[in-house]
Amino acid sequence: MAEFDFLIVGAGLYGATFARLAKDAGYKCLVIDKRSHIAGNIYTESIDGINVHKYGAHIFHTSNKQVWDFALRFADFNGYTNRVVANYKGEIYSMPFNMYTFNKMWGVVTPKEARAKLDEQIEGGRVECPQNLEEQAISLIGPDIYNKLVKGYTEKQWGRKATELPAFIIKRLPVRLTYDNNYFNDRYQGIPEGGYTTWIENMLEGIEVRCNTDYLADRDGLRSLADKVIYTGMIDEYYDYKLGTLEYRSLRFEVEKMPDTDDFQGNAVVNYTDAETPYTRILEHKHFEFNNCKGTIITREYPAEWKKGDEPYYPMNNDKNNELYESYRKLAEDDGDVIFGGRLGKYKYYDMDDTIADAMQDFERITRG
């Protein structure tokens, strides 16, 4: 008999959620991760009294009460509301697009004035069947907002000209004819008090965890420890890329400590939407938690081309990659030796609440047949 019911490869949010559900249901789990720490890409590290988001900003938000209740089991949340600032060559705009944005862009004051200006802009650039992202975006919000707040940021993010990107990347752009600048529409929102790492630590309480453990480096030995394997790494890497390599975008982070500056930018997130600025955004971590300590820490976030060995952040979900992933999914289904989960295992970008919900659904499917 195997020592464990489940070997869960990856101590990020999907793996921790699945492990918690399994532990609560009486299953014995082993969680491993090739990194030196738990929590995956939501890992936060306390530096000089500030919880630094080491792999980019993460704000928990959901309208799913079941997911929210699960999240609250392991931490209180601080009520942080994501209000993003966009910097276009020194001009400051509110995101997502709302009345503050339209007032700054066109001087309009009322929703009626804003709607009329938007309609005028859209009518002038509308394309009935958009063939690329640029045509799609202009058909949705017009050229003024597109050129200042969408084009440069998007081209940096994806490393391609907007005219070379598929239209479906921007299926819709949120437009609010109110002065509500909350980035999300979800009912529940916040940052776990104590940081995400503590949140995941609490989620994994009582479960054996081994870091610095690479499943692919000792596949046979580790596989023999459990009846079932839940794998949250890259599905194509698991199969040694034998059907082809899925594409991703990666990120590079430049962290700067500023012991003599108590407030660098006055906001947790500032997006830089012009093409000339090489980074897409600057994070000031203390603002995520209303931290009034002396000094500050910022992170500049640079998009990067992905190559094997880099951390994959964003799947490139175009038709070619989705077809390749489907081939891997069918291979895994026929193989039946491992269950893939999370954004890398399923080649899909998930928000955190979607990750928890998906882990819940997978657990129910796997354990209840």
Protein backbone atom coordinates (compact mmCIF):
# COMPACT_ATOMS: atom_id res chain seq x y z
CA MET A 1 0.00 0.00 0.00
CA ALA A 2 1.16 3.53 -0.77
CA GLU A 3 2.06 5.77 2.15
CA PHE A 4 -0.21 8.62 0.96
CA ASP A 5 -3.56 8.87 -0.75
CA PHE A 6 -2.52 11.97 -2.70
CA LEU A 7 0.84 13.31 -3.78
CA ILE A 8 0.22 16.96 -4.66
CA VAL A 9 2.92 18.50 -6.82
CA GLY A 10 2.94 22.23 -6.20
CA ALA A 11 2.38 24.12 -2.94
CA GLY A 12 0.60 27.04 -4.57
CA LEU A 13 -3.04 27.97 -4.12
CA TYR A 14 -4.50 25.09 -6.15
CA GLY A 15 -2.31 22.50 -4.44
CA ALA A 16 -2.91 23.91 -0.96
CA THR A 17 -6.68 24.07 -1.52
CA PHE A 18 -6.83 20.49 -2.77
CA ALA A 19 -4.65 19.29 0.10
CA ARG A 20 -6.82 21.04 2.68
CA LEU A 21 -10.01 19.56 1.26
CA ALA A 22 -8.45 16.10 1.15
CA LYS A 23 -7.08 16.37 4.70
CA ASP A 24 -10.46 17.50 6.01
CA ALA A 25 -12.09 14.52 4.29
CA GLY A 26 -9.71 12.09 5.99
CA TYR A 27 -7.18 11.54 3.20
CA LYS A 28 -3.44 11.50 3.82
CA CYS A 29 -1.53 13.98 1.63
CA LEU A 30 2.04 14.84 0.79
CA VAL A 31 2.63 18.24 -0.83
CA ILE A 32 5.92 18.89 -2.63
CA ASP A 33 7.33 21.93 -4.40
CA LYS A 34 10.56 22.42 -6.31
CA ARG A 35 10.89 25.94 -4.96
CA SER A 36 12.34 26.65 -1.53
CA HIS A 37 9.02 28.02 -0.28
CA ILE A 38 5.29 27.37 -0.33
CA ALA A 39 2.53 29.60 -1.79
CA GLY A 40 3.64 29.53 -5.43
CA ASN A 41 3.33 32.85 -7.23
CA ILE A 42 1.26 34.43 -4.45
CA TYR A 43 4.27 34.09 -2.11
CA THR A 44 4.88 37.14 0.05
CA GLU A 45 8.10 37.77 1.93
CA SER A 46 8.39 40.09 4.91
CA ILE A 47 11.18 42.58 4.25
CA ASP A 48 11.77 45.42 6.71
CA GLY A 49 8.27 44.99 8.07
CA ILE A 50 6.60 45.06 4.61
CA ASN A 51 4.99 42.03 2.96
CA VAL A 52 6.49 42.06 -0.53
CA HIS A 53 4.60 40.31 -3.35
CA LYS A 54 7.61 38.51 -4.83
CA TYR A 55 5.93 37.42 -8.08
CA GLY A 56 3.70 40.38 -8.84
CA ALA A 57 0.62 41.92 -7.28
CA HIS A 58 -2.18 39.65 -6.08
CA ILE A 59 -5.52 40.97 -4.80
CA PHE A 60 -8.07 38.43 -3.72
CA HIS A 61 -11.58 39.15 -5.01
CA THR A 62 -14.66 37.02 -5.50
CA SER A 63 -18.43 36.99 -5.56
CA ASN A 64 -18.49 33.27 -4.75
CA LYS A 65 -19.65 32.96 -1.12
CA GLN A 66 -18.42 29.37 -0.82
CA VAL A 67 -14.94 30.39 -1.96
CA TRP A 68 -14.95 33.46 0.30
CA ASP A 69 -15.94 31.38 3.35
CA PHE A 70 -13.14 28.93 2.56
CA ALA A 71 -10.60 31.76 2.26
CA LEU A 72 -11.68 33.23 5.61
CA ARG A 73 -10.93 29.96 7.40
CA PHE A 74 -7.22 30.69 7.17
CA ALA A 75 -6.92 34.47 7.62
CA ASP A 76 -8.85 37.66 8.13
CA PHE A 77 -8.87 39.94 5.09
CA ASN A 78 -8.09 43.64 5.37
CA GLY A 79 -10.68 45.16 3.02
CA TYR A 80 -8.09 46.51 0.56
CA THR A 81 -9.81 47.85 -2.57
CA ASN A 82 -7.88 47.83 -5.82
CA ARG A 83 -7.91 51.32 -7.32
CA VAL A 84 -5.40 51.36 -10.15
CA VAL A 85 -3.73 54.51 -11.42
CA ALA A 86 -2.54 54.74 -15.03
CA ASN A 87 0.44 56.95 -15.88
CA TYR A 88 0.68 57.99 -19.52
CA LYS A 89 3.78 60.17 -19.97
CA GLY A 90 3.06 61.92 -16.68
CA GLU A 91 -0.69 62.23 -17.22
CA ILE A 92 -2.60 60.38 -14.48
CA TYR A 93 -5.80 58.48 -15.26
CA SER A 94 -8.13 56.28 -13.26
CA MET A 95 -8.59 52.61 -14.14
CA PRO A 96 -10.79 50.88 -15.08
CA PHE A 97 -12.46 53.38 -17.40
CA ASN A 98 -14.89 55.46 -15.35
CA MET A 99 -16.06 59.06 -15.04
CA TYR A 100 -12.73 60.16 -13.54
CA THR A 101 -11.02 58.75 -16.66
CA PHE A 102 -13.43 60.47 -19.05
CA ASN A 103 -13.24 63.78 -17.21
CA LYS A 104 -9.46 63.79 -17.48
CA MET A 105 -9.49 62.62 -21.09
CA TRP A 106 -12.22 64.91 -22.49
CA GLY A 107 -13.35 67.29 -19.74
CA VAL A 108 -16.83 65.75 -19.57
CA VAL A 109 -18.63 65.87 -16.22
CA THR A 110 -21.90 63.97 -16.53
CA PRO A 111 -22.58 60.38 -17.63
CA LYS A 112 -24.66 61.71 -20.54
CA GLU A 113 -21.73 63.78 -21.80
CA ALA A 114 -19.36 60.83 -21.39
CA ARG A 115 -21.70 58.48 -23.24
CA ALA A 116 -22.04 60.90 -26.13
CA LYS A 117 -18.26 61.28 -26.40
CA LEU A 118 -17.73 57.52 -26.24
CA ASP A 119 -20.33 56.95 -28.94
CA GLU A 120 -18.68 59.57 -31.13
CA GLN A 121 -15.27 57.95 -30.66
CA ILE A 122 -16.54 54.44 -31.28
CA GLU A 123 -18.52 55.40 -34.36
CA GLY A 124 -15.44 56.95 -35.92
CA GLY A 125 -13.36 53.79 -35.57
CA ARG A 126 -15.84 50.94 -35.50
CA VAL A 127 -14.96 47.78 -37.41
CA GLU A 128 -17.81 45.32 -37.90
CA CYS A 129 -15.61 42.22 -37.84
CA PRO A 130 -12.39 43.10 -35.97
CA GLN A 131 -9.42 41.07 -37.18
CA ASN A 132 -6.95 42.01 -34.47
CA LEU A 133 -6.76 43.48 -30.98
CA GLU A 134 -6.36 47.06 -32.17
CA GLU A 135 -9.50 46.95 -34.28
CA GLN A 136 -11.40 45.23 -31.46
CA ALA A 137 -10.32 47.77 -28.81
CA ILE A 138 -11.07 50.85 -30.92
CA SER A 139 -14.48 49.37 -31.76
CA LEU A 140 -15.16 49.14 -28.03
CA ILE A 141 -13.76 52.39 -26.59
CA GLY A 142 -12.50 54.55 -29.46
CA PRO A 143 -9.01 55.79 -30.39
CA ASP A 144 -8.32 58.32 -27.58
CA ILE A 145 -8.52 55.86 -24.70
CA TYR A 146 -7.02 53.07 -26.80
CA ASN A 147 -3.92 55.05 -27.78
CA LYS A 148 -3.21 56.37 -24.30
CA LEU A 149 -4.32 53.62 -21.97
CA VAL A 150 -4.44 50.33 -23.90
CA LYS A 151 -2.05 50.18 -26.85
CA GLY A 152 1.35 50.69 -25.20
CA TYR A 153 0.58 48.63 -22.12
CA THR A 154 -0.83 45.73 -24.12
CA GLU A 155 2.02 45.63 -26.62
CA LYS A 156 4.54 45.57 -23.77
CA GLN A 157 2.60 42.91 -21.92
CA TRP A 158 2.37 40.51 -24.87
CA GLY A 159 5.54 41.46 -26.72
CA ARG A 160 3.63 41.90 -29.99
CA LYS A 161 2.12 44.75 -31.98
CA ALA A 162 -1.58 45.14 -31.26
CA THR A 163 -2.29 44.58 -34.95
CA GLU A 164 -0.58 41.16 -34.62
CA LEU A 165 -2.58 40.09 -31.55
CA PRO A 166 -5.89 38.25 -31.89
CA ALA A 167 -9.06 40.23 -31.25
CA PHE A 168 -10.33 37.81 -28.59
CA ILE A 169 -7.68 38.93 -26.07
CA ILE A 170 -9.88 42.00 -25.47
CA LYS A 171 -13.40 40.62 -25.77
CA ARG A 172 -14.71 43.52 -23.74
CA LEU A 173 -13.32 46.55 -21.95
CA PRO A 174 -15.06 47.64 -18.74
CA VAL A 175 -16.69 51.07 -19.01
CA ARG A 176 -18.42 52.67 -16.05
CA LEU A 177 -20.45 55.83 -16.38
CA THR A 178 -20.02 56.45 -12.64
CA TYR A 179 -17.25 57.75 -10.42
CA ASP A 180 -16.62 54.26 -9.08
CA ASN A 181 -12.91 53.49 -9.50
CA ASN A 182 -12.89 50.11 -7.75
CA TYR A 183 -11.09 47.89 -10.27
CA PHE A 184 -13.20 44.83 -9.47
CA ASN A 185 -16.95 44.35 -9.35
CA ASP A 186 -16.82 41.45 -6.89
CA ARG A 187 -18.64 41.57 -3.57
CA TYR A 188 -15.65 40.40 -1.49
CA GLN A 189 -12.13 41.78 -1.78
CA GLY A 190 -8.97 42.18 0.25
CA ILE A 191 -5.50 40.99 1.21
CA PRO A 192 -5.05 38.31 3.91
CA GLU A 193 -3.69 39.89 7.09
CA GLY A 194 -0.15 38.70 7.62
CA GLY A 195 0.38 38.13 3.89
CA TYR A 196 -0.37 35.34 1.46
CA THR A 197 2.40 33.05 2.70
CA THR A 198 0.89 32.94 6.18
CA TRP A 199 -2.52 32.30 4.59
CA ILE A 200 -1.17 29.27 2.71
CA GLU A 201 0.76 28.08 5.77
CA ASN A 202 -2.51 28.02 7.70
CA MET A 203 -4.21 26.21 4.82
CA LEU A 204 -1.52 23.51 4.92
CA GLU A 205 -1.53 23.09 8.69
CA GLY A 206 -1.19 19.43 9.66
CA ILE A 207 -0.19 18.38 6.12
CA GLU A 208 3.30 17.16 5.29
CA VAL A 209 5.11 19.56 2.94
CA ARG A 210 8.51 19.08 1.33
CA CYS A 211 10.09 22.03 -0.47
CA ASN A 212 13.17 21.84 -2.72
CA THR A 213 11.68 18.65 -4.14
CA ASP A 214 11.43 18.35 -7.93
CA TYR A 215 8.92 15.70 -8.98
CA LEU A 216 10.35 15.37 -12.48
CA ALA A 217 13.84 14.73 -11.10
CA ASP A 218 12.64 11.68 -9.12
CA ARG A 219 9.40 10.76 -10.82
CA ASP A 220 9.47 7.02 -10.09
CA GLY A 221 10.47 7.34 -6.46
CA LEU A 222 7.93 10.03 -5.65
CA ARG A 223 5.15 8.44 -7.69
CA SER A 224 5.39 5.30 -5.62
CA LEU A 225 4.53 7.21 -2.44
CA ALA A 226 0.86 7.83 -3.27
CA ASP A 227 -2.18 6.28 -4.90
CA LYS A 228 -2.93 9.41 -6.94
CA VAL A 229 -0.83 12.32 -8.17
CA ILE A 230 -2.21 15.85 -8.50
CA TYR A 231 0.19 17.78 -10.73
CA THR A 232 0.09 21.58 -10.94
CA GLY A 233 3.18 22.10 -13.08
CA MET A 234 3.37 22.56 -16.84
CA ILE A 235 1.53 19.78 -18.63
CA ASP A 236 3.85 19.88 -21.65
CA GLU A 237 6.95 19.71 -19.45
CA TYR A 238 5.49 16.70 -17.64
CA TYR A 239 5.38 14.89 -20.98
CA ASP A 240 8.84 16.18 -21.93
CA TYR A 241 7.32 18.42 -24.63
CA LYS A 242 6.81 15.39 -26.89
CA LEU A 243 3.80 16.94 -28.66
CA GLY A 244 5.35 20.42 -28.79
CA THR A 245 6.00 23.36 -26.46
CA LEU A 246 3.20 25.57 -25.20
CA GLU A 247 3.92 29.31 -25.24
CA TYR A 248 3.83 31.69 -22.28
CA ARG A 249 4.72 35.22 -21.35
CA SER A 250 7.10 35.65 -18.47
CA LEU A 251 7.94 38.51 -16.10
CA ARG A 252 11.06 40.01 -14.58
CA PHE A 253 10.93 41.88 -11.28
CA GLU A 254 13.21 44.68 -10.15
CA VAL A 255 12.85 45.31 -6.41
CA GLU A 256 14.11 48.54 -4.86
CA LYS A 257 14.26 49.30 -1.15
CA MET A 258 13.83 52.98 -0.26
CA PRO A 259 14.64 53.37 3.44
CA ASP A 260 14.52 57.18 3.25
CA THR A 261 11.18 57.40 1.39
CA ASP A 262 7.97 56.73 3.26
CA ASP A 263 5.66 56.95 0.24
CA PHE A 264 6.93 56.63 -3.34
CA GLN A 265 3.76 56.81 -5.47
CA GLY A 266 0.77 57.09 -3.15
CA ASN A 267 -0.89 53.94 -4.49
CA ALA A 268 -0.27 50.20 -4.47
CA VAL A 269 -0.36 49.84 -8.28
CA VAL A 270 0.52 52.35 -10.99
CA ASN A 271 0.37 51.16 -14.60
CA TYR A 272 2.67 52.76 -17.16
CA THR A 273 0.70 52.73 -20.40
CA ASP A 274 3.11 54.43 -22.82
CA ALA A 275 5.31 52.33 -25.09
CA GLU A 276 8.58 54.02 -24.11
CA THR A 277 8.59 53.04 -20.42
CA PRO A 278 10.05 49.51 -20.40
CA TYR A 279 8.05 48.24 -17.42
CA THR A 280 4.28 47.83 -17.29
CA ARG A 281 3.71 48.81 -13.68
CA ILE A 282 5.23 49.73 -10.34
CA LEU A 283 3.99 48.16 -7.11
CA GLU A 284 4.41 49.84 -3.75
CA HIS A 285 3.84 46.96 -1.38
CA LYS A 286 3.08 48.78 1.86
CA HIS A 287 -0.12 50.22 0.36
CA PHE A 288 -1.62 46.73 -0.02
CA GLU A 289 -1.80 46.49 3.77
CA PHE A 290 -2.15 50.11 4.94
CA ASN A 291 1.35 49.83 6.41
CA ASN A 292 2.68 53.06 7.98
CA CYS A 293 6.20 51.82 8.71
CA LYS A 294 9.24 53.94 7.85
CA GLY A 295 10.66 53.49 4.37
CA THR A 296 9.09 51.72 1.42
CA ILE A 297 9.75 48.98 -1.12
CA ILE A 298 8.75 49.11 -4.76
CA THR A 299 8.81 46.56 -7.59
CA ARG A 300 9.07 47.39 -11.26
CA GLU A 301 7.44 44.69 -13.39
CA TYR A 302 8.93 43.96 -16.80
CA PRO A 303 7.19 41.61 -19.26
CA ALA A 304 9.54 39.14 -20.92
CA GLU A 305 9.60 36.49 -23.60
CA TRP A 306 9.39 33.03 -22.09
CA LYS A 307 11.87 30.25 -22.78
CA LYS A 308 12.36 26.88 -21.15
CA GLY A 309 13.69 27.34 -17.63
CA ASP A 310 11.89 30.67 -17.11
CA GLU A 311 8.85 31.02 -14.88
CA PRO A 312 5.70 30.86 -17.04
CA TYR A 313 3.12 33.46 -15.95
CA TYR A 314 0.60 34.01 -18.71
CA PRO A 315 -0.49 31.29 -21.15
CA MET A 316 -0.65 32.46 -24.75
CA ASN A 317 -4.18 31.19 -25.37
CA ASN A 318 -4.36 31.61 -29.12
CA ASP A 319 -5.81 28.93 -31.38
CA LYS A 320 -2.47 27.21 -32.00
CA ASN A 321 -1.63 26.84 -28.31
CA ASN A 322 -5.15 25.88 -27.29
CA GLU A 323 -5.14 23.10 -29.88
CA LEU A 324 -1.78 21.86 -28.58
CA TYR A 325 -3.02 21.94 -25.00
CA GLU A 326 -6.09 19.94 -26.02
CA SER A 327 -3.78 17.28 -27.45
CA TYR A 328 -1.93 17.13 -24.12
CA ARG A 329 -5.21 17.00 -22.21
CA LYS A 330 -6.36 14.01 -24.25
CA LEU A 331 -2.99 12.36 -23.72
CA ALA A 332 -3.35 12.81 -19.95
CA GLU A 333 -6.91 11.49 -20.07
CA ASP A 334 -5.77 8.35 -21.90
CA ASP A 335 -2.74 8.00 -19.64
CA GLY A 336 -4.84 8.17 -16.46
CA ASP A 337 -1.76 8.18 -14.22
CA VAL A 338 -1.94 11.79 -13.10
CA ILE A 339 -4.55 14.53 -12.61
CA PHE A 340 -3.56 18.00 -13.81
CA GLY A 341 -4.72 21.15 -12.06
CA GLY A 342 -4.02 24.87 -11.75
CA ARG A 343 -3.05 27.40 -14.38
CA LEU A 344 -0.06 25.43 -15.67
CA GLY A 345 -1.66 22.01 -15.57
CA LYS A 346 -4.76 23.30 -17.37
CA TYR A 347 -3.02 26.00 -19.44
CA LYS A 348 -5.49 28.66 -18.38
CA TYR A 349 -5.14 31.98 -16.58
CA TYR A 350 -7.05 31.80 -13.30
CA ASP A 351 -7.85 34.47 -10.76
CA MET A 352 -7.32 33.23 -7.21
CA ASP A 353 -11.00 32.63 -6.54
CA ASP A 354 -11.27 30.65 -9.78
CA THR A 355 -8.31 28.55 -8.66
CA ILE A 356 -9.99 27.68 -5.37
CA ALA A 357 -13.32 26.94 -7.06
CA ASP A 358 -11.62 24.73 -9.64
CA ALA A 359 -9.75 22.80 -6.94
CA MET A 360 -13.05 22.28 -5.10
CA GLN A 361 -14.74 20.96 -8.24
CA ASP A 362 -11.80 18.67 -9.07
CA PHE A 363 -11.71 17.28 -5.54
CA GLU A 364 -15.41 16.46 -5.64
CA ARG A 365 -15.09 14.84 -9.07
CA ILE A 366 -12.05 12.76 -8.12
CA THR A 367 -13.24 11.57 -4.71
CA ARG A 368 -16.95 11.10 -5.40
CA GLY A 369 -16.70 9.77 -8.91
